[in-house]
């Protein structure tokens, strides 16, 4: 796997951790989750910048935000007990399908 994809996956993980901590911080009233938010987003943007040295910003952002949406929805469901209706689930399925199309078929996404 090319190193820029590893950076992108790590950026998604860091953003997911940061967003999960954002929910847990209760509007920045809890110190530890608030610090995790800052560190998570800082790491996410740094890793995202490394990916941007190789891939176009539009594709990087589409993959980063799409995977983040999907992962946060799963965490919201399993950790915070938030429900998803059928249209939300179908919409996220379309997002994942779009990410797969980009990764598998786009000539704009570098695979070196």
N, C-alpha and C. Protein backbone atom coordinates (compact mmCIF):
# COMPACT_ATOMS: atom_id res chain seq x y z
N UNK A 1 0.85 -1.18 0.00
CA UNK A 1 0.00 0.00 0.00
C UNK A 1 0.89 1.24 0.00
N UNK A 2 0.63 2.18 -0.90
CA UNK A 2 1.43 3.41 -0.95
C UNK A 2 1.33 4.19 0.37
N UNK A 3 2.42 4.83 0.72
CA UNK A 3 2.50 5.53 2.01
C UNK A 3 1.45 6.64 2.13
N UNK A 4 1.09 7.30 1.02
CA UNK A 4 0.10 8.37 1.14
C UNK A 4 -1.28 7.83 1.52
N UNK A 5 -1.57 6.58 1.16
CA UNK A 5 -2.83 5.99 1.61
C UNK A 5 -2.77 5.66 3.10
N UNK A 6 -1.61 5.28 3.58
CA UNK A 6 -1.45 5.05 5.02
C UNK A 6 -1.67 6.35 5.78
N UNK A 7 -1.08 7.44 5.28
CA UNK A 7 -1.31 8.76 5.90
C UNK A 7 -2.79 9.11 5.90
N UNK A 8 -3.46 8.83 4.80
CA UNK A 8 -4.89 9.16 4.69
C UNK A 8 -5.72 8.33 5.67
N UNK A 9 -5.42 7.06 5.79
CA UNK A 9 -6.14 6.19 6.74
C UNK A 9 -5.89 6.67 8.17
N UNK A 10 -4.65 7.04 8.48
CA UNK A 10 -4.34 7.55 9.81
C UNK A 10 -5.04 8.89 10.06
N UNK A 11 -5.15 9.72 9.02
CA UNK A 11 -5.86 10.99 9.15
C UNK A 11 -7.34 10.76 9.46
N UNK A 12 -7.94 9.79 8.80
CA UNK A 12 -9.34 9.45 9.05
C UNK A 12 -9.49 8.94 10.49
N UNK A 13 -8.56 8.11 10.92
CA UNK A 13 -8.62 7.59 12.30
C UNK A 13 -8.50 8.72 13.31
N UNK A 14 -7.56 9.63 13.09
CA UNK A 14 -7.37 10.75 14.02
C UNK A 14 -8.60 11.66 14.05
N UNK A 15 -9.18 11.92 12.89
CA UNK A 15 -10.39 12.75 12.83
C UNK A 15 -11.56 12.06 13.52
N UNK A 16 -11.66 10.76 13.36
CA UNK A 16 -12.72 10.00 13.99
C UNK A 16 -12.58 10.03 15.51
N UNK A 17 -11.37 9.87 15.99
CA UNK A 17 -11.11 9.97 17.43
C UNK A 17 -11.45 11.36 17.93
N UNK A 18 -11.03 12.39 17.20
CA UNK A 18 -11.31 13.76 17.59
C UNK A 18 -12.80 14.07 17.64
N UNK A 19 -13.53 13.58 16.65
CA UNK A 19 -14.97 13.84 16.61
C UNK A 19 -15.70 13.07 17.71
N UNK A 20 -15.27 11.85 17.97
CA UNK A 20 -15.85 11.08 19.07
C UNK A 20 -15.61 11.79 20.39
N UNK A 21 -14.40 12.29 20.58
CA UNK A 21 -14.09 13.04 21.80
C UNK A 21 -14.88 14.34 21.87
N UNK A 22 -15.18 14.93 20.73
CA UNK A 22 -15.99 16.16 20.71
C UNK A 22 -17.36 15.89 21.33
N UNK A 23 -17.97 14.78 20.98
CA UNK A 23 -19.25 14.40 21.58
C UNK A 23 -19.06 14.18 23.08
N UNK A 24 -17.99 13.50 23.45
CA UNK A 24 -17.75 13.18 24.87
C UNK A 24 -17.34 14.40 25.69
N UNK A 25 -16.84 15.45 25.03
CA UNK A 25 -16.38 16.64 25.77
C UNK A 25 -17.53 17.46 26.35
N UNK A 26 -18.74 17.19 25.87
CA UNK A 26 -19.93 17.92 26.31
C UNK A 26 -19.72 19.43 26.23
N UNK A 27 -19.53 19.88 25.00
CA UNK A 27 -19.32 21.30 24.66
C UNK A 27 -18.07 21.86 25.36
N UNK A 28 -17.01 21.08 25.36
CA UNK A 28 -15.71 21.45 25.93
C UNK A 28 -15.77 21.72 27.43
N UNK A 29 -16.66 21.05 28.14
CA UNK A 29 -16.73 21.21 29.59
C UNK A 29 -15.95 20.13 30.32
N UNK A 30 -15.51 19.09 29.60
CA UNK A 30 -14.70 18.03 30.20
C UNK A 30 -13.29 18.14 29.64
N UNK A 31 -12.29 18.34 30.51
CA UNK A 31 -10.93 18.63 30.03
C UNK A 31 -10.28 17.53 29.19
N UNK A 32 -10.29 16.28 29.62
CA UNK A 32 -9.59 15.24 28.86
C UNK A 32 -10.16 15.05 27.46
N UNK A 33 -11.47 14.87 27.30
CA UNK A 33 -11.98 14.77 25.93
C UNK A 33 -11.70 16.03 25.09
N UNK A 34 -11.69 17.19 25.73
CA UNK A 34 -11.41 18.43 25.00
C UNK A 34 -9.99 18.44 24.45
N UNK A 35 -9.04 17.96 25.24
CA UNK A 35 -7.64 17.87 24.78
C UNK A 35 -7.54 16.84 23.65
N UNK A 36 -8.25 15.73 23.77
CA UNK A 36 -8.23 14.71 22.72
C UNK A 36 -8.78 15.27 21.41
N UNK A 37 -9.79 16.13 21.49
CA UNK A 37 -10.33 16.79 20.29
C UNK A 37 -9.22 17.56 19.59
N UNK A 38 -8.51 18.39 20.33
CA UNK A 38 -7.46 19.23 19.75
C UNK A 38 -6.33 18.40 19.16
N UNK A 39 -5.88 17.40 19.89
CA UNK A 39 -4.80 16.54 19.40
C UNK A 39 -5.27 15.73 18.19
N UNK A 40 -6.49 15.19 18.26
CA UNK A 40 -7.01 14.40 17.15
C UNK A 40 -7.12 15.19 15.86
N UNK A 41 -7.70 16.39 15.95
CA UNK A 41 -7.83 17.21 14.75
C UNK A 41 -6.48 17.73 14.26
N UNK A 42 -5.60 18.06 15.19
CA UNK A 42 -4.25 18.50 14.78
C UNK A 42 -3.52 17.41 14.01
N UNK A 43 -3.56 16.19 14.54
CA UNK A 43 -2.93 15.05 13.86
C UNK A 43 -3.61 14.78 12.52
N UNK A 44 -4.93 14.86 12.49
CA UNK A 44 -5.66 14.59 11.26
C UNK A 44 -5.25 15.56 10.15
N UNK A 45 -5.18 16.85 10.48
CA UNK A 45 -4.82 17.83 9.45
C UNK A 45 -3.36 17.71 9.02
N UNK A 46 -2.49 17.37 9.96
CA UNK A 46 -1.08 17.17 9.59
C UNK A 46 -0.97 15.99 8.63
N UNK A 47 -1.59 14.86 8.98
CA UNK A 47 -1.53 13.68 8.12
C UNK A 47 -2.21 13.93 6.77
N UNK A 48 -3.28 14.70 6.79
CA UNK A 48 -3.96 15.06 5.56
C UNK A 48 -3.03 15.88 4.66
N UNK A 49 -2.26 16.78 5.25
CA UNK A 49 -1.33 17.59 4.47
C UNK A 49 -0.26 16.72 3.80
N UNK A 50 0.15 15.66 4.46
CA UNK A 50 1.14 14.75 3.85
C UNK A 50 0.54 14.04 2.64
N UNK A 51 -0.72 13.68 2.74
CA UNK A 51 -1.40 13.03 1.62
C UNK A 51 -1.54 13.98 0.44
N UNK A 52 -1.77 15.25 0.73
CA UNK A 52 -1.98 16.24 -0.33
C UNK A 52 -0.74 16.49 -1.17
N UNK A 53 0.42 16.03 -0.72
CA UNK A 53 1.62 16.19 -1.54
C UNK A 53 1.60 15.26 -2.74
N UNK A 54 0.69 14.27 -2.73
CA UNK A 54 0.65 13.28 -3.81
C UNK A 54 -0.71 13.23 -4.51
N UNK A 55 -1.79 13.44 -3.77
CA UNK A 55 -3.14 13.30 -4.32
C UNK A 55 -3.84 14.65 -4.41
N UNK A 56 -4.78 14.81 -5.33
CA UNK A 56 -5.53 16.06 -5.45
C UNK A 56 -6.44 16.30 -4.24
N UNK A 57 -6.57 17.56 -3.86
CA UNK A 57 -7.32 17.92 -2.66
C UNK A 57 -8.78 17.45 -2.72
N UNK A 58 -9.42 17.52 -3.86
CA UNK A 58 -10.82 17.11 -3.97
C UNK A 58 -11.02 15.64 -3.66
N UNK A 59 -10.13 14.81 -4.19
CA UNK A 59 -10.24 13.37 -3.93
C UNK A 59 -9.89 13.04 -2.48
N UNK A 60 -8.84 13.66 -1.97
CA UNK A 60 -8.44 13.42 -0.58
C UNK A 60 -9.58 13.79 0.36
N UNK A 61 -10.15 14.95 0.13
CA UNK A 61 -11.23 15.41 1.01
C UNK A 61 -12.46 14.52 0.89
N UNK A 62 -12.78 14.07 -0.30
CA UNK A 62 -13.93 13.19 -0.49
C UNK A 62 -13.75 11.88 0.27
N UNK A 63 -12.58 11.30 0.17
CA UNK A 63 -12.30 10.05 0.87
C UNK A 63 -12.27 10.27 2.38
N UNK A 64 -11.56 11.31 2.82
CA UNK A 64 -11.42 11.62 4.25
C UNK A 64 -12.78 11.89 4.89
N UNK A 65 -13.55 12.76 4.28
CA UNK A 65 -14.83 13.11 4.88
C UNK A 65 -15.83 11.96 4.77
N UNK A 66 -15.83 11.25 3.65
CA UNK A 66 -16.76 10.13 3.48
C UNK A 66 -16.54 9.01 4.47
N UNK A 67 -15.28 8.62 4.64
CA UNK A 67 -14.99 7.58 5.62
C UNK A 67 -15.27 8.07 7.03
N UNK A 68 -14.97 9.34 7.28
CA UNK A 68 -15.26 9.92 8.60
C UNK A 68 -16.74 9.89 8.92
N UNK A 69 -17.57 10.26 7.95
CA UNK A 69 -19.03 10.23 8.14
C UNK A 69 -19.49 8.82 8.49
N UNK A 70 -19.01 7.86 7.73
CA UNK A 70 -19.41 6.47 7.96
C UNK A 70 -18.97 5.98 9.34
N UNK A 71 -17.71 6.22 9.70
CA UNK A 71 -17.20 5.74 10.98
C UNK A 71 -17.87 6.43 12.17
N UNK A 72 -18.09 7.74 12.05
CA UNK A 72 -18.75 8.47 13.14
C UNK A 72 -20.19 7.99 13.31
N UNK A 73 -20.86 7.69 12.21
CA UNK A 73 -22.23 7.17 12.31
C UNK A 73 -22.24 5.82 13.04
N UNK A 74 -21.27 4.97 12.74
CA UNK A 74 -21.17 3.69 13.43
C UNK A 74 -20.89 3.89 14.92
N UNK A 75 -19.97 4.77 15.23
CA UNK A 75 -19.64 5.05 16.63
C UNK A 75 -20.84 5.65 17.34
N UNK A 76 -21.52 6.57 16.68
CA UNK A 76 -22.73 7.16 17.26
C UNK A 76 -23.76 6.10 17.59
N UNK A 77 -23.90 5.14 16.71
CA UNK A 77 -24.88 4.07 16.92
C UNK A 77 -24.47 3.15 18.07
N UNK A 78 -23.23 2.65 18.01
CA UNK A 78 -22.79 1.65 18.97
C UNK A 78 -22.36 2.23 20.31
N UNK A 79 -21.75 3.41 20.32
CA UNK A 79 -21.22 3.98 21.56
C UNK A 79 -22.22 4.92 22.23
N UNK A 80 -22.85 5.78 21.44
CA UNK A 80 -23.73 6.80 22.02
C UNK A 80 -25.21 6.47 21.90
N UNK A 81 -25.54 5.32 21.31
CA UNK A 81 -26.94 4.90 21.21
C UNK A 81 -27.79 5.75 20.28
N UNK A 82 -27.17 6.37 19.29
CA UNK A 82 -27.91 7.19 18.34
C UNK A 82 -28.43 6.30 17.22
N UNK A 83 -29.67 6.52 16.82
CA UNK A 83 -30.26 5.65 15.81
C UNK A 83 -30.11 6.24 14.41
N UNK A 84 -30.16 5.33 13.44
CA UNK A 84 -30.11 5.72 12.03
C UNK A 84 -31.33 5.14 11.34
N UNK A 85 -31.99 5.95 10.50
CA UNK A 85 -33.12 5.42 9.75
C UNK A 85 -32.63 4.90 8.40
N UNK A 86 -33.52 4.28 7.67
CA UNK A 86 -33.15 3.66 6.40
C UNK A 86 -32.54 4.65 5.40
N UNK A 87 -33.11 5.85 5.22
CA UNK A 87 -32.48 6.79 4.28
C UNK A 87 -31.04 7.16 4.69
N UNK A 88 -30.79 7.28 5.98
CA UNK A 88 -29.43 7.59 6.43
C UNK A 88 -28.48 6.44 6.11
N UNK A 89 -28.93 5.22 6.34
CA UNK A 89 -28.09 4.05 6.05
C UNK A 89 -27.84 3.94 4.55
N UNK A 90 -28.88 4.15 3.73
CA UNK A 90 -28.70 4.10 2.28
C UNK A 90 -27.76 5.20 1.79
N UNK A 91 -27.90 6.39 2.34
CA UNK A 91 -27.03 7.49 1.96
C UNK A 91 -25.57 7.20 2.28
N UNK A 92 -25.33 6.63 3.43
CA UNK A 92 -23.94 6.29 3.78
C UNK A 92 -23.41 5.16 2.91
N UNK A 93 -24.30 4.27 2.51
CA UNK A 93 -23.89 3.23 1.56
C UNK A 93 -23.46 3.83 0.23
N UNK A 94 -24.17 4.87 -0.20
CA UNK A 94 -23.79 5.56 -1.44
C UNK A 94 -22.44 6.27 -1.28
N UNK A 95 -22.20 6.84 -0.10
CA UNK A 95 -20.91 7.49 0.15
C UNK A 95 -19.79 6.47 0.04
N UNK A 96 -19.96 5.32 0.69
CA UNK A 96 -18.93 4.27 0.62
C UNK A 96 -18.75 3.78 -0.82
N UNK A 97 -19.85 3.67 -1.55
CA UNK A 97 -19.75 3.26 -2.96
C UNK A 97 -18.94 4.27 -3.76
N UNK A 98 -19.16 5.55 -3.49
CA UNK A 98 -18.40 6.59 -4.18
C UNK A 98 -16.92 6.51 -3.87
N UNK A 99 -16.57 6.24 -2.63
CA UNK A 99 -15.16 6.10 -2.26
C UNK A 99 -14.54 4.92 -2.99
N UNK A 100 -15.27 3.81 -3.08
CA UNK A 100 -14.75 2.66 -3.81
C UNK A 100 -14.56 2.96 -5.29
N UNK A 101 -15.50 3.67 -5.90
CA UNK A 101 -15.36 4.03 -7.31
C UNK A 101 -14.12 4.89 -7.52
N UNK A 102 -13.91 5.87 -6.64
CA UNK A 102 -12.71 6.71 -6.75
C UNK A 102 -11.46 5.86 -6.64
N UNK A 103 -11.42 5.02 -5.62
CA UNK A 103 -10.20 4.23 -5.37
C UNK A 103 -9.93 3.22 -6.48
N UNK A 104 -10.96 2.56 -6.96
CA UNK A 104 -10.76 1.48 -7.91
C UNK A 104 -10.66 1.93 -9.36
N UNK A 105 -11.33 3.03 -9.72
CA UNK A 105 -11.45 3.34 -11.14
C UNK A 105 -10.92 4.72 -11.56
N UNK A 106 -10.69 5.62 -10.61
CA UNK A 106 -10.30 6.97 -11.00
C UNK A 106 -8.82 7.03 -11.38
N UNK A 107 -8.56 7.65 -12.50
CA UNK A 107 -7.19 7.92 -12.91
C UNK A 107 -6.62 9.11 -12.17
N UNK A 108 -7.47 9.89 -11.51
CA UNK A 108 -7.02 11.06 -10.75
C UNK A 108 -6.41 10.68 -9.42
N UNK A 109 -6.81 9.54 -8.88
CA UNK A 109 -6.25 9.07 -7.60
C UNK A 109 -4.98 8.29 -7.91
N UNK A 110 -3.88 8.76 -7.35
CA UNK A 110 -2.61 8.08 -7.61
C UNK A 110 -2.56 6.76 -6.86
N UNK A 111 -2.02 5.76 -7.48
CA UNK A 111 -1.94 4.43 -6.86
C UNK A 111 -0.50 3.95 -6.80
N UNK A 112 0.44 4.85 -6.83
CA UNK A 112 1.84 4.43 -6.84
C UNK A 112 2.39 4.29 -5.45
